[in-house]
Amino acid sequence: FCAMAIALGTVLSNLKIYEFPFGGSITLFSMLIICL
């Protein structure tokens, strides 16, 4: 379960819903997964 959360969070961190023009982005719930 811990390894799954890390792996899924890593994948989702590279899937960006939106990238702000000045930098930073909204990922596909990667922070939520690492909180699990």
ModelCIF file with pLDDT and N, C-alpha, C, O atoms, coordinates in Angstrom:
data_MODEL
#
_entry.id   MODEL 
#
_entity.id                         1 
_entity.type                       polymer 
_entity.pdbx_number_of_molecules   1 
#
_entity_poly.entity_id                      1 
_entity_poly.type                           'polypeptide(L)' 
_entity_poly.nstd_linkage                   no 
_entity_poly.nstd_monomer                   no 
_entity_poly.pdbx_seq_one_letter_code       FCAMAIALGTVLSNLKIYEFPFGGSITLFSMLIICL 
_entity_poly.pdbx_seq_one_letter_code_can   FCAMAIALGTVLSNLKIYEFPFGGSITLFSMLIICL 
_entity_poly.pdbx_strand_id                 A 
#
loop_
_entity_poly_seq.entity_id 
_entity_poly_seq.num 
_entity_poly_seq.mon_id 
_entity_poly_seq.hetero 
1 1  PHE n 
1 2  CYS n 
1 3  ALA n 
1 4  MET n 
1 5  ALA n 
1 6  ILE n 
1 7  ALA n 
1 8  LEU n 
1 9  GLY n 
1 10 THR n 
1 11 VAL n 
1 12 LEU n 
1 13 SER n 
1 14 ASN n 
1 15 LEU n 
1 16 LYS n 
1 17 ILE n 
1 18 TYR n 
1 19 GLU n 
1 20 PHE n 
1 21 PRO n 
1 22 PHE n 
1 23 GLY n 
1 24 GLY n 
1 25 SER n 
1 26 ILE n 
1 27 THR n 
1 28 LEU n 
1 29 PHE n 
1 30 SER n 
1 31 MET n 
1 32 LEU n 
1 33 ILE n 
1 34 ILE n 
1 35 CYS n 
1 36 LEU n 
#
_struct_asym.id          A 
_struct_asym.entity_id   1 
#
loop_
_ma_qa_metric.id 
_ma_qa_metric.mode 
_ma_qa_metric.name 
_ma_qa_metric.software_group_id 
_ma_qa_metric.type 
1 global pLDDT . pLDDT 
2 local  pLDDT . pLDDT 
#
_ma_qa_metric_global.metric_id      1 
_ma_qa_metric_global.metric_value   94.42 
_ma_qa_metric_global.model_id       1 
_ma_qa_metric_global.ordinal_id     1 
#
loop_
_ma_qa_metric_local.label_asym_id 
_ma_qa_metric_local.label_comp_id 
_ma_qa_metric_local.label_seq_id 
_ma_qa_metric_local.metric_id 
_ma_qa_metric_local.metric_value 
_ma_qa_metric_local.model_id 
_ma_qa_metric_local.ordinal_id 
A PHE 1  2 93.00 1 1  
A CYS 2  2 93.00 1 2  
A ALA 3  2 94.00 1 3  
A MET 4  2 95.00 1 4  
A ALA 5  2 96.00 1 5  
A ILE 6  2 96.00 1 6  
A ALA 7  2 96.00 1 7  
A LEU 8  2 96.00 1 8  
A GLY 9  2 96.00 1 9  
A THR 10 2 96.00 1 10 
A VAL 11 2 95.00 1 11 
A LEU 12 2 95.00 1 12 
A SER 13 2 94.00 1 13 
A ASN 14 2 93.00 1 14 
A LEU 15 2 94.00 1 15 
A LYS 16 2 94.00 1 16 
A ILE 17 2 93.00 1 17 
A TYR 18 2 94.00 1 18 
A GLU 19 2 94.00 1 19 
A PHE 20 2 94.00 1 20 
A PRO 21 2 92.00 1 21 
A PHE 22 2 89.00 1 22 
A GLY 23 2 88.00 1 23 
A GLY 24 2 91.00 1 24 
A SER 25 2 94.00 1 25 
A ILE 26 2 95.00 1 26 
A THR 27 2 95.00 1 27 
A LEU 28 2 93.00 1 28 
A PHE 29 2 95.00 1 29 
A SER 30 2 96.00 1 30 
A MET 31 2 97.00 1 31 
A LEU 32 2 97.00 1 32 
A ILE 33 2 97.00 1 33 
A ILE 34 2 97.00 1 34 
A CYS 35 2 96.00 1 35 
A LEU 36 2 96.00 1 36 
#
loop_
_atom_site.group_PDB 
_atom_site.id 
_atom_site.type_symbol 
_atom_site.label_atom_id 
_atom_site.label_alt_id 
_atom_site.label_comp_id 
_atom_site.label_asym_id 
_atom_site.label_entity_id 
_atom_site.label_seq_id 
_atom_site.pdbx_PDB_ins_code 
_atom_site.Cartn_x 
_atom_site.Cartn_y 
_atom_site.Cartn_z 
_atom_site.occupancy 
_atom_site.B_iso_or_equiv 
_atom_site.pdbx_formal_charge 
_atom_site.auth_seq_id 
_atom_site.auth_comp_id 
_atom_site.auth_asym_id 
_atom_site.auth_atom_id 
_atom_site.pdbx_PDB_model_num 
ATOM 1   N N  . PHE A 1 1  ? 0.821  -1.211 0.000   1.00 93.00 ? 1  PHE A N  1 
ATOM 2   C CA . PHE A 1 1  ? 0.000  0.000  0.000   1.00 93.00 ? 1  PHE A CA 1 
ATOM 3   C C  . PHE A 1 1  ? 0.857  1.265  0.000   1.00 93.00 ? 1  PHE A C  1 
ATOM 4   O O  . PHE A 1 1  ? 0.557  2.211  -0.729  1.00 93.00 ? 1  PHE A O  1 
ATOM 5   N N  . CYS A 1 2  ? 1.917  1.294  0.807   1.00 93.00 ? 2  CYS A N  1 
ATOM 6   C CA . CYS A 1 2  ? 2.797  2.467  0.827   1.00 93.00 ? 2  CYS A CA 1 
ATOM 7   C C  . CYS A 1 2  ? 3.506  2.642  -0.512  1.00 93.00 ? 2  CYS A C  1 
ATOM 8   O O  . CYS A 1 2  ? 3.577  3.751  -1.041  1.00 93.00 ? 2  CYS A O  1 
ATOM 9   N N  . ALA A 1 3  ? 4.034  1.532  -1.064  1.00 94.00 ? 3  ALA A N  1 
ATOM 10  C CA . ALA A 1 3  ? 4.715  1.605  -2.350  1.00 94.00 ? 3  ALA A CA 1 
ATOM 11  C C  . ALA A 1 3  ? 3.755  2.008  -3.459  1.00 94.00 ? 3  ALA A C  1 
ATOM 12  O O  . ALA A 1 3  ? 4.117  2.766  -4.358  1.00 94.00 ? 3  ALA A O  1 
ATOM 13  N N  . MET A 1 4  ? 2.511  1.491  -3.390  1.00 95.00 ? 4  MET A N  1 
ATOM 14  C CA . MET A 1 4  ? 1.514  1.842  -4.388  1.00 95.00 ? 4  MET A CA 1 
ATOM 15  C C  . MET A 1 4  ? 1.213  3.337  -4.356  1.00 95.00 ? 4  MET A C  1 
ATOM 16  O O  . MET A 1 4  ? 1.094  3.970  -5.405  1.00 95.00 ? 4  MET A O  1 
ATOM 17  N N  . ALA A 1 5  ? 1.090  3.902  -3.159  1.00 96.00 ? 5  ALA A N  1 
ATOM 18  C CA . ALA A 1 5  ? 0.817  5.330  -3.037  1.00 96.00 ? 5  ALA A CA 1 
ATOM 19  C C  . ALA A 1 5  ? 1.958  6.158  -3.625  1.00 96.00 ? 5  ALA A C  1 
ATOM 20  O O  . ALA A 1 5  ? 1.717  7.135  -4.333  1.00 96.00 ? 5  ALA A O  1 
ATOM 21  N N  . ILE A 1 6  ? 3.188  5.771  -3.333  1.00 96.00 ? 6  ILE A N  1 
ATOM 22  C CA . ILE A 1 6  ? 4.341  6.505  -3.859  1.00 96.00 ? 6  ILE A CA 1 
ATOM 23  C C  . ILE A 1 6  ? 4.394  6.406  -5.385  1.00 96.00 ? 6  ILE A C  1 
ATOM 24  O O  . ILE A 1 6  ? 4.614  7.403  -6.072  1.00 96.00 ? 6  ILE A O  1 
ATOM 25  N N  . ALA A 1 7  ? 4.192  5.194  -5.908  1.00 96.00 ? 7  ALA A N  1 
ATOM 26  C CA . ALA A 1 7  ? 4.249  5.007  -7.354  1.00 96.00 ? 7  ALA A CA 1 
ATOM 27  C C  . ALA A 1 7  ? 3.134  5.768  -8.069  1.00 96.00 ? 7  ALA A C  1 
ATOM 28  O O  . ALA A 1 7  ? 3.370  6.442  -9.072  1.00 96.00 ? 7  ALA A O  1 
ATOM 29  N N  . LEU A 1 8  ? 1.913  5.651  -7.538  1.00 96.00 ? 8  LEU A N  1 
ATOM 30  C CA . LEU A 1 8  ? 0.783  6.332  -8.172  1.00 96.00 ? 8  LEU A CA 1 
ATOM 31  C C  . LEU A 1 8  ? 0.934  7.844  -8.054  1.00 96.00 ? 8  LEU A C  1 
ATOM 32  O O  . LEU A 1 8  ? 0.634  8.574  -8.998  1.00 96.00 ? 8  LEU A O  1 
ATOM 33  N N  . GLY A 1 9  ? 1.400  8.318  -6.895  1.00 96.00 ? 9  GLY A N  1 
ATOM 34  C CA . GLY A 1 9  ? 1.624  9.751  -6.730  1.00 96.00 ? 9  GLY A CA 1 
ATOM 35  C C  . GLY A 1 9  ? 2.664  10.278 -7.700  1.00 96.00 ? 9  GLY A C  1 
ATOM 36  O O  . GLY A 1 9  ? 2.534  11.391 -8.210  1.00 96.00 ? 9  GLY A O  1 
ATOM 37  N N  . THR A 1 10 ? 3.707  9.479  -7.962  1.00 96.00 ? 10 THR A N  1 
ATOM 38  C CA . THR A 1 10 ? 4.745  9.888  -8.906  1.00 96.00 ? 10 THR A CA 1 
ATOM 39  C C  . THR A 1 10 ? 4.182  9.992  -10.315 1.00 96.00 ? 10 THR A C  1 
ATOM 40  O O  . THR A 1 10 ? 4.472  10.949 -11.033 1.00 96.00 ? 10 THR A O  1 
ATOM 41  N N  . VAL A 1 11 ? 3.383  9.016  -10.712 1.00 95.00 ? 11 VAL A N  1 
ATOM 42  C CA . VAL A 1 11 ? 2.776  9.055  -12.046 1.00 95.00 ? 11 VAL A CA 1 
ATOM 43  C C  . VAL A 1 11 ? 1.841  10.250 -12.180 1.00 95.00 ? 11 VAL A C  1 
ATOM 44  O O  . VAL A 1 11 ? 1.895  10.978 -13.171 1.00 95.00 ? 11 VAL A O  1 
ATOM 45  N N  . LEU A 1 12 ? 0.985  10.450 -11.181 1.00 95.00 ? 12 LEU A N  1 
ATOM 46  C CA . LEU A 1 12 ? -0.006 11.522 -11.252 1.00 95.00 ? 12 LEU A CA 1 
ATOM 47  C C  . LEU A 1 12 ? 0.632  12.901 -11.176 1.00 95.00 ? 12 LEU A C  1 
ATOM 48  O O  . LEU A 1 12 ? 0.064  13.869 -11.682 1.00 95.00 ? 12 LEU A O  1 
ATOM 49  N N  . SER A 1 13 ? 1.806  13.009 -10.551 1.00 94.00 ? 13 SER A N  1 
ATOM 50  C CA . SER A 1 13 ? 2.480  14.307 -10.481 1.00 94.00 ? 13 SER A CA 1 
ATOM 51  C C  . SER A 1 13 ? 2.910  14.792 -11.863 1.00 94.00 ? 13 SER A C  1 
ATOM 52  O O  . SER A 1 13 ? 3.140  15.983 -12.070 1.00 94.00 ? 13 SER A O  1 
ATOM 53  N N  . ASN A 1 14 ? 3.016  13.857 -12.803 1.00 93.00 ? 14 ASN A N  1 
ATOM 54  C CA . ASN A 1 14 ? 3.392  14.220 -14.175 1.00 93.00 ? 14 ASN A CA 1 
ATOM 55  C C  . ASN A 1 14 ? 2.181  14.399 -15.092 1.00 93.00 ? 14 ASN A C  1 
ATOM 56  O O  . ASN A 1 14 ? 2.326  14.735 -16.267 1.00 93.00 ? 14 ASN A O  1 
ATOM 57  N N  . LEU A 1 15 ? 0.988  14.172 -14.542 1.00 94.00 ? 15 LEU A N  1 
ATOM 58  C CA . LEU A 1 15 ? -0.248 14.384 -15.300 1.00 94.00 ? 15 LEU A CA 1 
ATOM 59  C C  . LEU A 1 15 ? -0.868 15.682 -14.822 1.00 94.00 ? 15 LEU A C  1 
ATOM 60  O O  . LEU A 1 15 ? -1.477 15.730 -13.754 1.00 94.00 ? 15 LEU A O  1 
ATOM 61  N N  . LYS A 1 16 ? -0.716 16.719 -15.602 1.00 94.00 ? 16 LYS A N  1 
ATOM 62  C CA . LYS A 1 16 ? -1.104 18.061 -15.175 1.00 94.00 ? 16 LYS A CA 1 
ATOM 63  C C  . LYS A 1 16 ? -2.444 18.461 -15.789 1.00 94.00 ? 16 LYS A C  1 
ATOM 64  O O  . LYS A 1 16 ? -2.626 18.452 -17.006 1.00 94.00 ? 16 LYS A O  1 
ATOM 65  N N  . ILE A 1 17 ? -3.375 18.813 -14.901 1.00 93.00 ? 17 ILE A N  1 
ATOM 66  C CA . ILE A 1 17 ? -4.676 19.292 -15.358 1.00 93.00 ? 17 ILE A CA 1 
ATOM 67  C C  . ILE A 1 17 ? -4.551 20.685 -15.972 1.00 93.00 ? 17 ILE A C  1 
ATOM 68  O O  . ILE A 1 17 ? -5.183 21.002 -16.980 1.00 93.00 ? 17 ILE A O  1 
ATOM 69  N N  . TYR A 1 18 ? -3.709 21.512 -15.330 1.00 94.00 ? 18 TYR A N  1 
ATOM 70  C CA . TYR A 1 18 ? -3.537 22.881 -15.821 1.00 94.00 ? 18 TYR A CA 1 
ATOM 71  C C  . TYR A 1 18 ? -2.168 23.383 -15.380 1.00 94.00 ? 18 TYR A C  1 
ATOM 72  O O  . TYR A 1 18 ? -1.738 23.140 -14.253 1.00 94.00 ? 18 TYR A O  1 
ATOM 73  N N  . GLU A 1 19 ? -1.488 24.086 -16.286 1.00 94.00 ? 19 GLU A N  1 
ATOM 74  C CA . GLU A 1 19 ? -0.213 24.718 -15.977 1.00 94.00 ? 19 GLU A CA 1 
ATOM 75  C C  . GLU A 1 19 ? -0.385 26.224 -16.013 1.00 94.00 ? 19 GLU A C  1 
ATOM 76  O O  . GLU A 1 19 ? -0.858 26.775 -17.007 1.00 94.00 ? 19 GLU A O  1 
ATOM 77  N N  . PHE A 1 20 ? -0.006 26.891 -14.939 1.00 94.00 ? 20 PHE A N  1 
ATOM 78  C CA . PHE A 1 20 ? -0.126 28.342 -14.875 1.00 94.00 ? 20 PHE A CA 1 
ATOM 79  C C  . PHE A 1 20 ? 0.971  28.995 -15.712 1.00 94.00 ? 20 PHE A C  1 
ATOM 80  O O  . PHE A 1 20 ? 2.096  28.497 -15.753 1.00 94.00 ? 20 PHE A O  1 
ATOM 81  N N  . PRO A 1 21 ? 0.659  30.097 -16.372 1.00 92.00 ? 21 PRO A N  1 
ATOM 82  C CA . PRO A 1 21 ? 1.660  30.741 -17.242 1.00 92.00 ? 21 PRO A CA 1 
ATOM 83  C C  . PRO A 1 21 ? 2.884  31.250 -16.494 1.00 92.00 ? 21 PRO A C  1 
ATOM 84  O O  . PRO A 1 21 ? 3.955  31.366 -17.089 1.00 92.00 ? 21 PRO A O  1 
ATOM 85  N N  . PHE A 1 22 ? 2.754  31.555 -15.207 1.00 89.00 ? 22 PHE A N  1 
ATOM 86  C CA . PHE A 1 22 ? 3.869  32.066 -14.426 1.00 89.00 ? 22 PHE A CA 1 
ATOM 87  C C  . PHE A 1 22 ? 4.613  30.954 -13.701 1.00 89.00 ? 22 PHE A C  1 
ATOM 88  O O  . PHE A 1 22 ? 5.570  31.224 -12.975 1.00 89.00 ? 22 PHE A O  1 
ATOM 89  N N  . GLY A 1 23 ? 4.186  29.698 -13.888 1.00 88.00 ? 23 GLY A N  1 
ATOM 90  C CA . GLY A 1 23 ? 4.828  28.561 -13.229 1.00 88.00 ? 23 GLY A CA 1 
ATOM 91  C C  . GLY A 1 23 ? 3.900  27.877 -12.251 1.00 88.00 ? 23 GLY A C  1 
ATOM 92  O O  . GLY A 1 23 ? 2.949  28.480 -11.754 1.00 88.00 ? 23 GLY A O  1 
ATOM 93  N N  . GLY A 1 24 ? 4.179  26.617 -11.979 1.00 91.00 ? 24 GLY A N  1 
ATOM 94  C CA . GLY A 1 24 ? 3.312  25.836 -11.100 1.00 91.00 ? 24 GLY A CA 1 
ATOM 95  C C  . GLY A 1 24 ? 2.178  25.212 -11.895 1.00 91.00 ? 24 GLY A C  1 
ATOM 96  O O  . GLY A 1 24 ? 1.819  25.696 -12.969 1.00 91.00 ? 24 GLY A O  1 
ATOM 97  N N  . SER A 1 25 ? 1.617  24.137 -11.362 1.00 94.00 ? 25 SER A N  1 
ATOM 98  C CA . SER A 1 25 ? 0.575  23.424 -12.086 1.00 94.00 ? 25 SER A CA 1 
ATOM 99  C C  . SER A 1 25 ? -0.342 22.692 -11.122 1.00 94.00 ? 25 SER A C  1 
ATOM 100 O O  . SER A 1 25 ? -0.003 22.453 -9.963  1.00 94.00 ? 25 SER A O  1 
ATOM 101 N N  . ILE A 1 26 ? -1.514 22.346 -11.636 1.00 95.00 ? 26 ILE A N  1 
ATOM 102 C CA . ILE A 1 26 ? -2.453 21.497 -10.911 1.00 95.00 ? 26 ILE A CA 1 
ATOM 103 C C  . ILE A 1 26 ? -2.276 20.081 -11.433 1.00 95.00 ? 26 ILE A C  1 
ATOM 104 O O  . ILE A 1 26 ? -2.521 19.817 -12.610 1.00 95.00 ? 26 ILE A O  1 
ATOM 105 N N  . THR A 1 27 ? -1.857 19.173 -10.571 1.00 95.00 ? 27 THR A N  1 
ATOM 106 C CA . THR A 1 27 ? -1.666 17.791 -11.001 1.00 95.00 ? 27 THR A CA 1 
ATOM 107 C C  . THR A 1 27 ? -2.947 16.991 -10.778 1.00 95.00 ? 27 THR A C  1 
ATOM 108 O O  . THR A 1 27 ? -3.916 17.490 -10.205 1.00 95.00 ? 27 THR A O  1 
ATOM 109 N N  . LEU A 1 28 ? -2.934 15.766 -11.234 1.00 93.00 ? 28 LEU A N  1 
ATOM 110 C CA . LEU A 1 28 ? -4.111 14.907 -11.125 1.00 93.00 ? 28 LEU A CA 1 
ATOM 111 C C  . LEU A 1 28 ? -4.149 14.247 -9.743  1.00 93.00 ? 28 LEU A C  1 
ATOM 112 O O  . LEU A 1 28 ? -3.976 13.035 -9.617  1.00 93.00 ? 28 LEU A O  1 
ATOM 113 N N  . PHE A 1 29 ? -4.378 15.063 -8.711  1.00 95.00 ? 29 PHE A N  1 
ATOM 114 C CA . PHE A 1 29 ? -4.576 14.598 -7.336  1.00 95.00 ? 29 PHE A CA 1 
ATOM 115 C C  . PHE A 1 29 ? -3.340 13.908 -6.742  1.00 95.00 ? 29 PHE A C  1 
ATOM 116 O O  . PHE A 1 29 ? -3.479 13.032 -5.888  1.00 95.00 ? 29 PHE A O  1 
ATOM 117 N N  . SER A 1 30 ? -2.146 14.286 -7.178  1.00 96.00 ? 30 SER A N  1 
ATOM 118 C CA . SER A 1 30 ? -0.947 13.609 -6.670  1.00 96.00 ? 30 SER A CA 1 
ATOM 119 C C  . SER A 1 30 ? -0.755 13.848 -5.170  1.00 96.00 ? 30 SER A C  1 
ATOM 120 O O  . SER A 1 30 ? -0.346 12.936 -4.451  1.00 96.00 ? 30 SER A O  1 
ATOM 121 N N  . MET A 1 31 ? -1.047 15.063 -4.687  1.00 97.00 ? 31 MET A N  1 
ATOM 122 C CA . MET A 1 31 ? -0.862 15.325 -3.252  1.00 97.00 ? 31 MET A CA 1 
ATOM 123 C C  . MET A 1 31 ? -1.834 14.505 -2.404  1.00 97.00 ? 31 MET A C  1 
ATOM 124 O O  . MET A 1 31 ? -1.486 14.058 -1.311  1.00 97.00 ? 31 MET A O  1 
ATOM 125 N N  . LEU A 1 32 ? -3.041 14.310 -2.907  1.00 97.00 ? 32 LEU A N  1 
ATOM 126 C CA . LEU A 1 32 ? -4.016 13.485 -2.186  1.00 97.00 ? 32 LEU A CA 1 
ATOM 127 C C  . LEU A 1 32 ? -3.495 12.062 -2.015  1.00 97.00 ? 32 LEU A C  1 
ATOM 128 O O  . LEU A 1 32 ? -3.618 11.476 -0.940  1.00 97.00 ? 32 LEU A O  1 
ATOM 129 N N  . ILE A 1 33 ? -2.921 11.515 -3.064  1.00 97.00 ? 33 ILE A N  1 
ATOM 130 C CA . ILE A 1 33 ? -2.425 10.140 -3.014  1.00 97.00 ? 33 ILE A CA 1 
ATOM 131 C C  . ILE A 1 33 ? -1.306 9.998  -1.986  1.00 97.00 ? 33 ILE A C  1 
ATOM 132 O O  . ILE A 1 33 ? -1.246 8.999  -1.270  1.00 97.00 ? 33 ILE A O  1 
ATOM 133 N N  . ILE A 1 34 ? -0.415 10.998 -1.906  1.00 97.00 ? 34 ILE A N  1 
ATOM 134 C CA . ILE A 1 34 ? 0.690  10.922 -0.952  1.00 97.00 ? 34 ILE A CA 1 
ATOM 135 C C  . ILE A 1 34 ? 0.202  11.145 0.473   1.00 97.00 ? 34 ILE A C  1 
ATOM 136 O O  . ILE A 1 34 ? 0.885  10.769 1.426   1.00 97.00 ? 34 ILE A O  1 
ATOM 137 N N  . CYS A 1 35 ? -0.965 11.748 0.628   1.00 96.00 ? 35 CYS A N  1 
ATOM 138 C CA . CYS A 1 35 ? -1.554 11.892 1.963   1.00 96.00 ? 35 CYS A CA 1 
ATOM 139 C C  . CYS A 1 35 ? -2.181 10.595 2.463   1.00 96.00 ? 35 CYS A C  1 
ATOM 140 O O  . CYS A 1 35 ? -2.422 10.457 3.662   1.00 96.00 ? 35 CYS A O  1 
ATOM 141 N N  . LEU A 1 36 ? -2.446 9.654  1.583   1.00 96.00 ? 36 LEU A N  1 
ATOM 142 C CA . LEU A 1 36 ? -3.184 8.458  1.972   1.00 96.00 ? 36 LEU A CA 1 
ATOM 143 C C  . LEU A 1 36 ? -2.464 7.568  2.992   1.00 96.00 ? 36 LEU A C  1 
ATOM 144 O O  . LEU A 1 36 ? -2.994 6.532  3.391   1.00 96.00 ? 36 LEU A O  1 
#
